[in-house]
């Protein structure tokens, strides 16, 4: 998949330095970002936990 992004110069330079490692680096970083389903589940647990 190809995605085109516009980023400020400083982050763009850092991304460019990653070169061929960029896809792997993005994949690792994205694993740390909660998905909307995970966020919803965590909010439900907090609500349930507050009622106990």
Protein backbone atom coordinates (compact mmCIF):
# COMPACT_ATOMS: atom_id res chain seq x y z
CA UNK A 1 0.00 0.00 0.00
CA UNK A 2 1.25 3.46 -0.78
CA UNK A 3 0.38 6.42 1.44
CA UNK A 4 1.53 9.98 0.81
CA UNK A 5 1.98 12.21 3.85
CA UNK A 6 3.01 15.83 4.26
CA UNK A 7 5.11 16.36 7.37
CA UNK A 8 7.14 19.29 8.70
CA UNK A 9 10.82 19.43 7.70
CA UNK A 10 12.36 18.21 10.97
CA UNK A 11 10.27 15.01 11.34
CA UNK A 12 10.54 14.49 7.57
CA UNK A 13 14.33 14.51 7.78
CA UNK A 14 14.27 11.97 10.60
CA UNK A 15 11.89 9.74 8.64
CA UNK A 16 14.08 10.03 5.56
CA UNK A 17 17.14 8.94 7.58
CA UNK A 18 15.36 5.68 8.42
CA UNK A 19 15.42 4.77 4.73
CA UNK A 20 14.50 1.12 4.20
CA UNK A 21 13.86 0.68 7.94
CA UNK A 22 10.89 3.07 7.79
CA UNK A 23 8.19 0.41 7.16
CA UNK A 24 9.41 -1.76 10.05
CA UNK A 25 9.72 1.24 12.35
CA UNK A 26 6.20 2.44 11.54
CA UNK A 27 4.82 -1.04 12.11
CA UNK A 28 6.42 -1.22 15.58
CA UNK A 29 5.16 2.24 16.49
CA UNK A 30 1.64 1.47 15.29
CA UNK A 31 1.51 -1.63 17.51
CA UNK A 32 1.80 0.71 20.52
CA UNK A 33 -1.17 2.84 19.47
CA UNK A 34 -4.48 1.51 20.86
CA UNK A 35 -7.15 0.76 18.29
CA UNK A 36 -10.62 2.31 18.69
CA UNK A 37 -11.94 -1.09 19.86
CA UNK A 38 -9.25 -1.28 22.55
CA UNK A 39 -9.97 2.25 23.73
CA UNK A 40 -13.71 1.52 23.96
CA UNK A 41 -13.02 -1.70 25.89
CA UNK A 42 -10.74 0.15 28.32
CA UNK A 43 -13.38 2.84 28.88
CA UNK A 44 -16.01 0.15 29.58
CA UNK A 45 -13.70 -1.47 32.14
CA UNK A 46 -13.17 1.89 33.83
CA UNK A 47 -16.92 2.49 34.05
CA UNK A 48 -17.51 -1.00 35.45
CA UNK A 49 -14.59 -0.58 37.85
CA UNK A 50 -15.96 2.73 39.15
CA UNK A 51 -19.36 1.19 39.98
CA UNK A 52 -17.83 -1.56 42.15
